[in-house]
Amino acid sequence: MRKLIVLFILLNSFPLLADFDDKCSVLITLRFQTNEDAYKDAINKINQCQKYDILSVTSFLELSISKVYITDLIQSYCMFNHEIVTLLDEKTSNLSCVHRGKARIERKFN
């Protein structure tokens, strides 16, 4: 019995590692000073994130544009077997999901 108690204490004393500890935050905003595309910049930042990071995207663009961008990000970068949370608003839109590691390959139809 003592061996079980000692084993239980030892197993509980080690730190547990979760796969979803890191957050990868990305902002999509209008660019007044440069001609760079804000969405391409966001994609470049997302590509630097690691698999299983919590992908958190905030868009300050118009609602109709944010819907397109967030839908594309969900289809390309989010794991479908985990929760996907979106909030679409006139001023600020948000997406949170688990990053799948790399973008899905887009099918090309002839």
PDB file of N, CA and C in Angstrom:
ATOM      1  N   MET A   1       0.823  -1.196   0.000  1.00  0.00           N
ATOM      2  CA  MET A   1       0.000   0.000   0.000  1.00  0.00           C
ATOM      3  C   MET A   1       0.867   1.260   0.000  1.00  0.00           C
ATOM      4  N   ARG A   2       1.947   1.223   0.763  1.00  0.00           N
ATOM      5  CA  ARG A   2       2.848   2.369   0.817  1.00  0.00           C
ATOM      6  C   ARG A   2       3.464   2.637  -0.550  1.00  0.00           C
ATOM      7  N   LYS A   3       3.778   1.577  -1.257  1.00  0.00           N
ATOM      8  CA  LYS A   3       4.366   1.729  -2.585  1.00  0.00           C
ATOM      9  C   LYS A   3       3.394   2.423  -3.534  1.00  0.00           C
ATOM     10  N   LEU A   4       2.130   2.108  -3.428  1.00  0.00           N
ATOM     11  CA  LEU A   4       1.125   2.769  -4.267  1.00  0.00           C
ATOM     12  C   LEU A   4       1.010   4.252  -3.933  1.00  0.00           C
ATOM     13  N   ILE A   5       1.040   4.570  -2.663  1.00  0.00           N
ATOM     14  CA  ILE A   5       0.946   5.967  -2.246  1.00  0.00           C
ATOM     15  C   ILE A   5       2.171   6.740  -2.727  1.00  0.00           C
ATOM     16  N   VAL A   6       3.356   6.150  -2.582  1.00  0.00           N
ATOM     17  CA  VAL A   6       4.584   6.811  -3.024  1.00  0.00           C
ATOM     18  C   VAL A   6       4.558   6.981  -4.544  1.00  0.00           C
ATOM     19  N   LEU A   7       4.131   5.961  -5.253  1.00  0.00           N
ATOM     20  CA  LEU A   7       4.043   6.044  -6.715  1.00  0.00           C
ATOM     21  C   LEU A   7       3.052   7.131  -7.140  1.00  0.00           C
ATOM     22  N   PHE A   8       1.926   7.206  -6.469  1.00  0.00           N
ATOM     23  CA  PHE A   8       0.926   8.231  -6.764  1.00  0.00           C
ATOM     24  C   PHE A   8       1.482   9.631  -6.529  1.00  0.00           C
ATOM     25  N   ILE A   9       2.194   9.821  -5.444  1.00  0.00           N
ATOM     26  CA  ILE A   9       2.781  11.129  -5.133  1.00  0.00           C
ATOM     27  C   ILE A   9       3.847  11.498  -6.159  1.00  0.00           C
ATOM     28  N   LEU A  10       4.667  10.536  -6.537  1.00  0.00           N
ATOM     29  CA  LEU A  10       5.704  10.809  -7.528  1.00  0.00           C
ATOM     30  C   LEU A  10       5.103  11.176  -8.882  1.00  0.00           C
ATOM     31  N   LEU A  11       4.097  10.472  -9.296  1.00  0.00           N
ATOM     32  CA  LEU A  11       3.486  10.770 -10.598  1.00  0.00           C
ATOM     33  C   LEU A  11       2.808  12.127 -10.608  1.00  0.00           C
ATOM     34  N   ASN A  12       2.229  12.519  -9.506  1.00  0.00           N
ATOM     35  CA  ASN A  12       1.551  13.820  -9.435  1.00  0.00           C
ATOM     36  C   ASN A  12       2.505  14.984  -9.221  1.00  0.00           C
ATOM     37  N   SER A  13       3.738  14.708  -8.846  1.00  0.00           N
ATOM     38  CA  SER A  13       4.685  15.790  -8.602  1.00  0.00           C
ATOM     39  C   SER A  13       5.363  16.281  -9.875  1.00  0.00           C
ATOM     40  N   PHE A  14       5.318  15.499 -10.951  1.00  0.00           N
ATOM     41  CA  PHE A  14       5.915  15.920 -12.209  1.00  0.00           C
ATOM     42  C   PHE A  14       4.998  16.910 -12.912  1.00  0.00           C
ATOM     43  N   PRO A  15       5.569  17.946 -13.526  1.00  0.00           N
ATOM     44  CA  PRO A  15       4.721  18.909 -14.241  1.00  0.00           C
ATOM     45  C   PRO A  15       4.088  18.262 -15.472  1.00  0.00           C
ATOM     46  N   LEU A  16       2.843  18.545 -15.653  1.00  0.00           N
ATOM     47  CA  LEU A  16       2.127  18.023 -16.812  1.00  0.00           C
ATOM     48  C   LEU A  16       2.246  19.012 -17.957  1.00  0.00           C
ATOM     49  N   LEU A  17       2.507  18.523 -19.135  1.00  0.00           N
ATOM     50  CA  LEU A  17       2.645  19.374 -20.307  1.00  0.00           C
ATOM     51  C   LEU A  17       1.397  19.274 -21.163  1.00  0.00           C
ATOM     52  N   ALA A  18       0.836  20.392 -21.508  1.00  0.00           N
ATOM     53  CA  ALA A  18      -0.334  20.420 -22.379  1.00  0.00           C
ATOM     54  C   ALA A  18       0.110  20.793 -23.781  1.00  0.00           C
ATOM     55  N   ASP A  19      -0.607  20.261 -24.771  1.00  0.00           N
ATOM     56  CA  ASP A  19      -0.277  20.566 -26.161  1.00  0.00           C
ATOM     57  C   ASP A  19      -0.678  21.986 -26.544  1.00  0.00           C
ATOM     58  N   PHE A  20      -1.590  22.584 -25.799  1.00  0.00           N
ATOM     59  CA  PHE A  20      -2.184  23.854 -26.208  1.00  0.00           C
ATOM     60  C   PHE A  20      -1.758  24.999 -25.288  1.00  0.00           C
ATOM     61  N   ASP A  21      -0.496  25.045 -24.922  1.00  0.00           N
ATOM     62  CA  ASP A  21      -0.021  26.066 -23.994  1.00  0.00           C
ATOM     63  C   ASP A  21       0.328  27.393 -24.663  1.00  0.00           C
ATOM     64  N   ASP A  22       0.716  27.366 -25.911  1.00  0.00           N
ATOM     65  CA  ASP A  22       1.204  28.571 -26.571  1.00  0.00           C
ATOM     66  C   ASP A  22       0.121  29.229 -27.407  1.00  0.00           C
ATOM     67  N   LYS A  23       0.180  30.554 -27.432  1.00  0.00           N
ATOM     68  CA  LYS A  23      -0.789  31.331 -28.198  1.00  0.00           C
ATOM     69  C   LYS A  23      -0.057  32.073 -29.303  1.00  0.00           C
ATOM     70  N   CYS A  24      -0.650  32.071 -30.467  1.00  0.00           N
ATOM     71  CA  CYS A  24      -0.088  32.778 -31.615  1.00  0.00           C
ATOM     72  C   CYS A  24      -1.105  33.848 -32.013  1.00  0.00           C
ATOM     73  N   SER A  25      -0.798  35.096 -31.726  1.00  0.00           N
ATOM     74  CA  SER A  25      -1.729  36.198 -31.979  1.00  0.00           C
ATOM     75  C   SER A  25      -1.354  36.945 -33.249  1.00  0.00           C
ATOM     76  N   VAL A  26      -2.366  37.245 -34.048  1.00  0.00           N
ATOM     77  CA  VAL A  26      -2.161  37.942 -35.318  1.00  0.00           C
ATOM     78  C   VAL A  26      -3.222  39.034 -35.444  1.00  0.00           C
ATOM     79  N   LEU A  27      -2.795  40.218 -35.886  1.00  0.00           N
ATOM     80  CA  LEU A  27      -3.718  41.326 -36.147  1.00  0.00           C
ATOM     81  C   LEU A  27      -3.793  41.590 -37.648  1.00  0.00           C
ATOM     82  N   ILE A  28      -4.986  41.861 -38.129  1.00  0.00           N
ATOM     83  CA  ILE A  28      -5.177  42.273 -39.517  1.00  0.00           C
ATOM     84  C   ILE A  28      -5.779  43.670 -39.483  1.00  0.00           C
ATOM     85  N   THR A  29      -5.016  44.650 -39.944  1.00  0.00           N
ATOM     86  CA  THR A  29      -5.466  46.036 -39.917  1.00  0.00           C
ATOM     87  C   THR A  29      -5.222  46.688 -41.266  1.00  0.00           C
ATOM     88  N   LEU A  30      -5.855  47.819 -41.470  1.00  0.00           N
ATOM     89  CA  LEU A  30      -5.599  48.601 -42.674  1.00  0.00           C
ATOM     90  C   LEU A  30      -4.203  49.186 -42.624  1.00  0.00           C
ATOM     91  N   ARG A  31      -3.582  49.305 -43.783  1.00  0.00           N
ATOM     92  CA  ARG A  31      -2.231  49.876 -43.867  1.00  0.00           C
ATOM     93  C   ARG A  31      -2.322  51.221 -44.573  1.00  0.00           C
ATOM     94  N   PHE A  32      -2.104  52.275 -43.848  1.00  0.00           N
ATOM     95  CA  PHE A  32      -2.164  53.599 -44.451  1.00  0.00           C
ATOM     96  C   PHE A  32      -0.798  54.061 -44.970  1.00  0.00           C
ATOM     97  N   GLN A  33       0.271  53.558 -44.366  1.00  0.00           N
ATOM     98  CA  GLN A  33       1.601  54.037 -44.712  1.00  0.00           C
ATOM     99  C   GLN A  33       2.331  53.156 -45.719  1.00  0.00           C
ATOM    100  N   THR A  34       1.872  51.920 -45.894  1.00  0.00           N
ATOM    101  CA  THR A  34       2.539  51.027 -46.840  1.00  0.00           C
ATOM    102  C   THR A  34       1.515  50.430 -47.790  1.00  0.00           C
ATOM    103  N   ASN A  35       1.996  49.884 -48.881  1.00  0.00           N
ATOM    104  CA  ASN A  35       1.118  49.236 -49.841  1.00  0.00           C
ATOM    105  C   ASN A  35       1.037  47.727 -49.636  1.00  0.00           C
ATOM    106  N   GLU A  36       1.637  47.230 -48.572  1.00  0.00           N
ATOM    107  CA  GLU A  36       1.600  45.799 -48.303  1.00  0.00           C
ATOM    108  C   GLU A  36       0.180  45.349 -47.999  1.00  0.00           C
ATOM    109  N   ASP A  37      -0.130  44.136 -48.412  1.00  0.00           N
ATOM    110  CA  ASP A  37      -1.438  43.561 -48.143  1.00  0.00           C
ATOM    111  C   ASP A  37      -1.455  43.040 -46.708  1.00  0.00           C
ATOM    112  N   ALA A  38      -2.390  43.496 -45.906  1.00  0.00           N
ATOM    113  CA  ALA A  38      -2.463  43.104 -44.499  1.00  0.00           C
ATOM    114  C   ALA A  38      -2.724  41.611 -44.355  1.00  0.00           C
ATOM    115  N   TYR A  39      -3.500  41.044 -45.262  1.00  0.00           N
ATOM    116  CA  TYR A  39      -3.800  39.613 -45.178  1.00  0.00           C
ATOM    117  C   TYR A  39      -2.557  38.776 -45.464  1.00  0.00           C
ATOM    118  N   LYS A  40      -1.758  39.166 -46.441  1.00  0.00           N
ATOM    119  CA  LYS A  40      -0.520  38.427 -46.737  1.00  0.00           C
ATOM    120  C   LYS A  40       0.442  38.500 -45.563  1.00  0.00           C
ATOM    121  N   ASP A  41       0.500  39.643 -44.915  1.00  0.00           N
ATOM    122  CA  ASP A  41       1.344  39.794 -43.735  1.00  0.00           C
ATOM    123  C   ASP A  41       0.860  38.877 -42.613  1.00  0.00           C
ATOM    124  N   ALA A  42      -0.459  38.797 -42.441  1.00  0.00           N
ATOM    125  CA  ALA A  42      -1.025  37.911 -41.417  1.00  0.00           C
ATOM    126  C   ALA A  42      -0.712  36.447 -41.727  1.00  0.00           C
ATOM    127  N   ILE A  43      -0.806  36.056 -42.978  1.00  0.00           N
ATOM    128  CA  ILE A  43      -0.487  34.680 -43.383  1.00  0.00           C
ATOM    129  C   ILE A  43       0.978  34.374 -43.078  1.00  0.00           C
ATOM    130  N   ASN A  44       1.871  35.307 -43.360  1.00  0.00           N
ATOM    131  CA  ASN A  44       3.287  35.104 -43.054  1.00  0.00           C
ATOM    132  C   ASN A  44       3.513  34.895 -41.559  1.00  0.00           C
ATOM    133  N   LYS A  45       2.801  35.642 -40.727  1.00  0.00           N
ATOM    134  CA  LYS A  45       2.929  35.476 -39.276  1.00  0.00           C
ATOM    135  C   LYS A  45       2.341  34.143 -38.829  1.00  0.00           C
ATOM    136  N   ILE A  46       1.212  33.753 -39.410  1.00  0.00           N
ATOM    137  CA  ILE A  46       0.579  32.472 -39.053  1.00  0.00           C
ATOM    138  C   ILE A  46       1.485  31.312 -39.440  1.00  0.00           C
ATOM    139  N   ASN A  47       2.177  31.419 -40.568  1.00  0.00           N
ATOM    140  CA  ASN A  47       3.080  30.353 -40.996  1.00  0.00           C
ATOM    141  C   ASN A  47       4.250  30.162 -40.038  1.00  0.00           C
ATOM    142  N   GLN A  48       4.541  31.147 -39.200  1.00  0.00           N
ATOM    143  CA  GLN A  48       5.601  31.034 -38.205  1.00  0.00           C
ATOM    144  C   GLN A  48       5.119  30.351 -36.924  1.00  0.00           C
ATOM    145  N   CYS A  49       3.814  30.191 -36.778  1.00  0.00           N
ATOM    146  CA  CYS A  49       3.258  29.549 -35.589  1.00  0.00           C
ATOM    147  C   CYS A  49       3.503  28.044 -35.641  1.00  0.00           C
ATOM    148  N   GLN A  50       3.462  27.423 -34.483  1.00  0.00           N
ATOM    149  CA  GLN A  50       3.708  25.993 -34.360  1.00  0.00           C
ATOM    150  C   GLN A  50       2.393  25.216 -34.311  1.00  0.00           C
ATOM    151  N   LYS A  51       2.487  23.939 -34.631  1.00  0.00           N
ATOM    152  CA  LYS A  51       1.331  23.057 -34.539  1.00  0.00           C
ATOM    153  C   LYS A  51       0.844  23.026 -33.090  1.00  0.00           C
ATOM    154  N   TYR A  52      -0.444  23.014 -32.899  1.00  0.00           N
ATOM    155  CA  TYR A  52      -1.146  22.998 -31.613  1.00  0.00           C
ATOM    156  C   TYR A  52      -1.115  24.330 -30.879  1.00  0.00           C
ATOM    157  N   ASP A  53      -0.554  25.381 -31.462  1.00  0.00           N
ATOM    158  CA  ASP A  53      -0.678  26.710 -30.867  1.00  0.00           C
ATOM    159  C   ASP A  53      -2.139  27.144 -30.952  1.00  0.00           C
ATOM    160  N   ILE A  54      -2.561  27.957 -30.012  1.00  0.00           N
ATOM    161  CA  ILE A  54      -3.887  28.562 -30.110  1.00  0.00           C
ATOM    162  C   ILE A  54      -3.748  29.752 -31.044  1.00  0.00           C
ATOM    163  N   LEU A  55      -4.367  29.649 -32.188  1.00  0.00           N
ATOM    164  CA  LEU A  55      -4.322  30.716 -33.187  1.00  0.00           C
ATOM    165  C   LEU A  55      -5.408  31.728 -32.853  1.00  0.00           C
ATOM    166  N   SER A  56      -4.996  32.958 -32.613  1.00  0.00           N
ATOM    167  CA  SER A  56      -5.918  34.032 -32.264  1.00  0.00           C
ATOM    168  C   SER A  56      -5.737  35.166 -33.271  1.00  0.00           C
ATOM    169  N   VAL A  57      -6.749  35.372 -34.094  1.00  0.00           N
ATOM    170  CA  VAL A  57      -6.690  36.385 -35.148  1.00  0.00           C
ATOM    171  C   VAL A  57      -7.730  37.454 -34.851  1.00  0.00           C
ATOM    172  N   THR A  58      -7.302  38.709 -34.884  1.00  0.00           N
ATOM    173  CA  THR A  58      -8.209  39.842 -34.706  1.00  0.00           C
ATOM    174  C   THR A  58      -8.131  40.703 -35.952  1.00  0.00           C
ATOM    175  N   SER A  59      -9.285  40.980 -36.532  1.00  0.00           N
ATOM    176  CA  SER A  59      -9.359  41.782 -37.745  1.00  0.00           C
ATOM    177  C   SER A  59     -10.096  43.088 -37.451  1.00  0.00           C
ATOM    178  N   PHE A  60      -9.491  44.176 -37.886  1.00  0.00           N
ATOM    179  CA  PHE A  60     -10.111  45.489 -37.736  1.00  0.00           C
ATOM    180  C   PHE A  60     -10.604  46.011 -39.092  1.00  0.00           C
ATOM    181  N   LEU A  61     -10.852  45.102 -40.018  1.00  0.00           N
ATOM    182  CA  LEU A  61     -11.333  45.488 -41.346  1.00  0.00           C
ATOM    183  C   LEU A  61     -12.858  45.480 -41.375  1.00  0.00           C
ATOM    184  N   GLU A  62     -13.419  45.875 -42.501  1.00  0.00           N
ATOM    185  CA  GLU A  62     -14.874  45.869 -42.648  1.00  0.00           C
ATOM    186  C   GLU A  62     -15.400  44.451 -42.471  1.00  0.00           C
ATOM    187  N   LEU A  63     -16.637  44.338 -42.021  1.00  0.00           N
ATOM    188  CA  LEU A  63     -17.236  43.043 -41.727  1.00  0.00           C
ATOM    189  C   LEU A  63     -17.208  42.102 -42.933  1.00  0.00           C
ATOM    190  N   SER A  64     -17.564  42.592 -44.109  1.00  0.00           N
ATOM    191  CA  SER A  64     -17.615  41.729 -45.293  1.00  0.00           C
ATOM    192  C   SER A  64     -16.234  41.179 -45.661  1.00  0.00           C
ATOM    193  N   ILE A  65     -15.199  41.998 -45.499  1.00  0.00           N
ATOM    194  CA  ILE A  65     -13.832  41.556 -45.790  1.00  0.00           C
ATOM    195  C   ILE A  65     -13.356  40.591 -44.710  1.00  0.00           C
ATOM    196  N   SER A  66     -13.649  40.892 -43.462  1.00  0.00           N
ATOM    197  CA  SER A  66     -13.246  40.017 -42.357  1.00  0.00           C
ATOM    198  C   SER A  66     -13.870  38.633 -42.491  1.00  0.00           C
ATOM    199  N   LYS A  67     -15.122  38.564 -42.928  1.00  0.00           N
ATOM    200  CA  LYS A  67     -15.777  37.269 -43.113  1.00  0.00           C
ATOM    201  C   LYS A  67     -15.015  36.400 -44.101  1.00  0.00           C
ATOM    202  N   VAL A  68     -14.591  36.982 -45.198  1.00  0.00           N
ATOM    203  CA  VAL A  68     -13.851  36.242 -46.220  1.00  0.00           C
ATOM    204  C   VAL A  68     -12.510  35.774 -45.673  1.00  0.00           C
ATOM    205  N   TYR A  69     -11.781  36.672 -45.029  1.00  0.00           N
ATOM    206  CA  TYR A  69     -10.463  36.335 -44.490  1.00  0.00           C
ATOM    207  C   TYR A  69     -10.564  35.260 -43.414  1.00  0.00           C
ATOM    208  N   ILE A  70     -11.491  35.416 -42.484  1.00  0.00           N
ATOM    209  CA  ILE A  70     -11.624  34.457 -41.387  1.00  0.00           C
ATOM    210  C   ILE A  70     -12.082  33.101 -41.902  1.00  0.00           C
ATOM    211  N   THR A  71     -12.988  33.083 -42.867  1.00  0.00           N
ATOM    212  CA  THR A  71     -13.411  31.817 -43.464  1.00  0.00           C
ATOM    213  C   THR A  71     -12.239  31.108 -44.121  1.00  0.00           C
ATOM    214  N   ASP A  72     -11.414  31.850 -44.829  1.00  0.00           N
ATOM    215  CA  ASP A  72     -10.239  31.265 -45.465  1.00  0.00           C
ATOM    216  C   ASP A  72      -9.256  30.731 -44.425  1.00  0.00           C
ATOM    217  N   LEU A  73      -9.051  31.464 -43.349  1.00  0.00           N
ATOM    218  CA  LEU A  73      -8.144  31.010 -42.298  1.00  0.00           C
ATOM    219  C   LEU A  73      -8.658  29.746 -41.623  1.00  0.00           C
ATOM    220  N   ILE A  74      -9.959  29.671 -41.387  1.00  0.00           N
ATOM    221  CA  ILE A  74     -10.544  28.466 -40.787  1.00  0.00           C
ATOM    222  C   ILE A  74     -10.304  27.266 -41.694  1.00  0.00           C
ATOM    223  N   GLN A  75     -10.578  27.437 -42.972  1.00  0.00           N
ATOM    224  CA  GLN A  75     -10.423  26.323 -43.911  1.00  0.00           C
ATOM    225  C   GLN A  75      -8.966  25.918 -44.094  1.00  0.00           C
ATOM    226  N   SER A  76      -8.046  26.846 -43.937  1.00  0.00           N
ATOM    227  CA  SER A  76      -6.640  26.548 -44.203  1.00  0.00           C
ATOM    228  C   SER A  76      -5.842  26.140 -42.968  1.00  0.00           C
ATOM    229  N   TYR A  77      -6.102  26.758 -41.823  1.00  0.00           N
ATOM    230  CA  TYR A  77      -5.185  26.618 -40.692  1.00  0.00           C
ATOM    231  C   TYR A  77      -5.779  26.015 -39.422  1.00  0.00           C
ATOM    232  N   CYS A  78      -7.078  25.844 -39.318  1.00  0.00           N
ATOM    233  CA  CYS A  78      -7.682  25.372 -38.070  1.00  0.00           C
ATOM    234  C   CYS A  78      -7.925  23.868 -38.098  1.00  0.00           C
ATOM    235  N   MET A  79      -7.721  23.239 -36.941  1.00  0.00           N
ATOM    236  CA  MET A  79      -8.057  21.823 -36.782  1.00  0.00           C
ATOM    237  C   MET A  79      -9.563  21.718 -36.578  1.00  0.00           C
ATOM    238  N   PHE A  80     -10.189  20.851 -37.344  1.00  0.00           N
ATOM    239  CA  PHE A  80     -11.642  20.729 -37.269  1.00  0.00           C
ATOM    240  C   PHE A  80     -12.098  19.862 -36.100  1.00  0.00           C
ATOM    241  N   ASN A  81     -11.201  19.079 -35.515  1.00  0.00           N
ATOM    242  CA  ASN A  81     -11.596  18.228 -34.399  1.00  0.00           C
ATOM    243  C   ASN A  81     -11.441  18.922 -33.045  1.00  0.00           C
ATOM    244  N   HIS A  82     -11.171  20.227 -33.064  1.00  0.00           N
ATOM    245  CA  HIS A  82     -11.117  21.049 -31.860  1.00  0.00           C
ATOM    246  C   HIS A  82     -12.053  22.237 -32.043  1.00  0.00           C
ATOM    247  N   GLU A  83     -12.321  22.913 -30.959  1.00  0.00           N
ATOM    248  CA  GLU A  83     -13.268  24.021 -30.994  1.00  0.00           C
ATOM    249  C   GLU A  83     -12.744  25.193 -31.828  1.00  0.00           C
ATOM    250  N   ILE A  84     -13.634  25.764 -32.622  1.00  0.00           N
ATOM    251  CA  ILE A  84     -13.341  26.953 -33.414  1.00  0.00           C
ATOM    252  C   ILE A  84     -14.327  28.034 -32.972  1.00  0.00           C
ATOM    253  N   VAL A  85     -13.799  29.173 -32.538  1.00  0.00           N
ATOM    254  CA  VAL A  85     -14.645  30.256 -32.042  1.00  0.00           C
ATOM    255  C   VAL A  85     -14.451  31.470 -32.931  1.00  0.00           C
ATOM    256  N   THR A  86     -15.564  32.017 -33.427  1.00  0.00           N
ATOM    257  CA  THR A  86     -15.501  33.244 -34.217  1.00  0.00           C
ATOM    258  C   THR A  86     -16.484  34.258 -33.652  1.00  0.00           C
ATOM    259  N   LEU A  87     -16.105  35.502 -33.772  1.00  0.00           N
ATOM    260  CA  LEU A  87     -16.978  36.610 -33.404  1.00  0.00           C
ATOM    261  C   LEU A  87     -16.848  37.638 -34.517  1.00  0.00           C
ATOM    262  N   LEU A  88     -17.926  37.817 -35.255  1.00  0.00           N
ATOM    263  CA  LEU A  88     -17.916  38.766 -36.374  1.00  0.00           C
ATOM    264  C   LEU A  88     -18.725  39.984 -35.979  1.00  0.00           C
ATOM    265  N   ASP A  89     -18.115  41.153 -36.104  1.00  0.00           N
ATOM    266  CA  ASP A  89     -18.746  42.401 -35.695  1.00  0.00           C
ATOM    267  C   ASP A  89     -18.391  43.475 -36.720  1.00  0.00           C
ATOM    268  N   GLU A  90     -19.104  44.575 -36.691  1.00  0.00           N
ATOM    269  CA  GLU A  90     -18.857  45.667 -37.639  1.00  0.00           C
ATOM    270  C   GLU A  90     -17.473  46.287 -37.474  1.00  0.00           C
ATOM    271  N   LYS A  91     -16.971  46.338 -36.239  1.00  0.00           N
ATOM    272  CA  LYS A  91     -15.699  47.014 -35.997  1.00  0.00           C
ATOM    273  C   LYS A  91     -14.531  46.055 -35.776  1.00  0.00           C
ATOM    274  N   THR A  92     -14.780  44.960 -35.086  1.00  0.00           N
ATOM    275  CA  THR A  92     -13.714  44.015 -34.757  1.00  0.00           C
ATOM    276  C   THR A  92     -14.234  42.594 -34.923  1.00  0.00           C
ATOM    277  N   SER A  93     -13.466  41.757 -35.611  1.00  0.00           N
ATOM    278  CA  SER A  93     -13.817  40.353 -35.765  1.00  0.00           C
ATOM    279  C   SER A  93     -12.678  39.507 -35.218  1.00  0.00           C
ATOM    280  N   ASN A  94     -13.045  38.367 -34.600  1.00  0.00           N
ATOM    281  CA  ASN A  94     -12.046  37.516 -33.959  1.00  0.00           C
ATOM    282  C   ASN A  94     -12.222  36.059 -34.362  1.00  0.00           C
ATOM    283  N   LEU A  95     -11.114  35.356 -34.377  1.00  0.00           N
ATOM    284  CA  LEU A  95     -11.092  33.918 -34.620  1.00  0.00           C
ATOM    285  C   LEU A  95     -10.129  33.302 -33.616  1.00  0.00           C
ATOM    286  N   SER A  96     -10.540  32.202 -33.007  1.00  0.00           N
ATOM    287  CA  SER A  96      -9.663  31.414 -32.146  1.00  0.00           C
ATOM    288  C   SER A  96      -9.844  29.952 -32.498  1.00  0.00           C
ATOM    289  N   CYS A  97      -8.725  29.267 -32.702  1.00  0.00           N
ATOM    290  CA  CYS A  97      -8.772  27.844 -33.006  1.00  0.00           C
ATOM    291  C   CYS A  97      -7.402  27.241 -32.738  1.00  0.00           C
ATOM    292  N   VAL A  98      -7.320  25.923 -32.876  1.00  0.00           N
ATOM    293  CA  VAL A  98      -6.046  25.229 -32.709  1.00  0.00           C
ATOM    294  C   VAL A  98      -5.376  25.138 -34.075  1.00  0.00           C
ATOM    295  N   HIS A  99      -4.143  25.609 -34.144  1.00  0.00           N
ATOM    296  CA  HIS A  99      -3.376  25.637 -35.398  1.00  0.00           C
ATOM    297  C   HIS A  99      -3.015  24.211 -35.806  1.00  0.00           C
ATOM    298  N   ARG A 100      -3.201  23.898 -37.073  1.00  0.00           N
ATOM    299  CA  ARG A 100      -2.924  22.539 -37.557  1.00  0.00           C
ATOM    300  C   ARG A 100      -1.476  22.334 -37.961  1.00  0.00           C
ATOM    301  N   GLY A 101      -0.647  23.345 -37.909  1.00  0.00           N
ATOM    302  CA  GLY A 101       0.771  23.189 -38.196  1.00  0.00           C
ATOM    303  C   GLY A 101       1.181  23.736 -39.540  1.00  0.00           C
ATOM    304  N   LYS A 102       0.437  23.446 -40.561  1.00  0.00           N
ATOM    305  CA  LYS A 102       0.703  24.006 -41.887  1.00  0.00           C
ATOM    306  C   LYS A 102      -0.626  24.115 -42.625  1.00  0.00           C
ATOM    307  N   ALA A 103      -0.640  24.956 -43.623  1.00  0.00           N
ATOM    308  CA  ALA A 103      -1.893  25.209 -44.353  1.00  0.00           C
ATOM    309  C   ALA A 103      -2.294  23.987 -45.170  1.00  0.00           C
ATOM    310  N   ARG A 104      -3.594  23.807 -45.280  1.00  0.00           N
ATOM    311  CA  ARG A 104      -4.093  22.748 -46.160  1.00  0.00           C
ATOM    312  C   ARG A 104      -3.786  23.136 -47.600  1.00  0.00           C
ATOM    313  N   ILE A 105      -3.556  22.141 -48.416  1.00  0.00           N
ATOM    314  CA  ILE A 105      -3.264  22.383 -49.825  1.00  0.00           C
ATOM    315  C   ILE A 105      -4.575  22.678 -50.537  1.00  0.00           C
ATOM    316  N   GLU A 106      -4.550  23.764 -51.286  1.00  0.00           N
ATOM    317  CA  GLU A 106      -5.728  24.188 -52.020  1.00  0.00           C
ATOM    318  C   GLU A 106      -5.865  23.348 -53.295  1.00  0.00           C
ATOM    319  N   ARG A 107      -7.042  22.819 -53.513  1.00  0.00           N
ATOM    320  CA  ARG A 107      -7.274  22.028 -54.730  1.00  0.00           C
ATOM    321  C   ARG A 107      -7.440  22.945 -55.911  1.00  0.00           C
ATOM    322  N   LYS A 108      -6.841  22.545 -57.002  1.00  0.00           N
ATOM    323  CA  LYS A 108      -6.967  23.326 -58.232  1.00  0.00           C
ATOM    324  C   LYS A 108      -7.788  22.525 -59.236  1.00  0.00           C
ATOM    325  N   PHE A 109      -8.889  23.114 -59.620  1.00  0.00           N
ATOM    326  CA  PHE A 109      -9.768  22.478 -60.594  1.00  0.00           C
ATOM    327  C   PHE A 109      -9.445  23.028 -61.972  1.00  0.00           C
ATOM    328  N   ASN A 110      -9.348  22.146 -62.942  1.00  0.00           N
ATOM    329  CA  ASN A 110      -9.009  22.574 -64.306  1.00  0.00           C
ATOM    330  C   ASN A 110     -10.139  23.247 -64.981  1.00  0.00           C
TER     331      ASN A 110
END
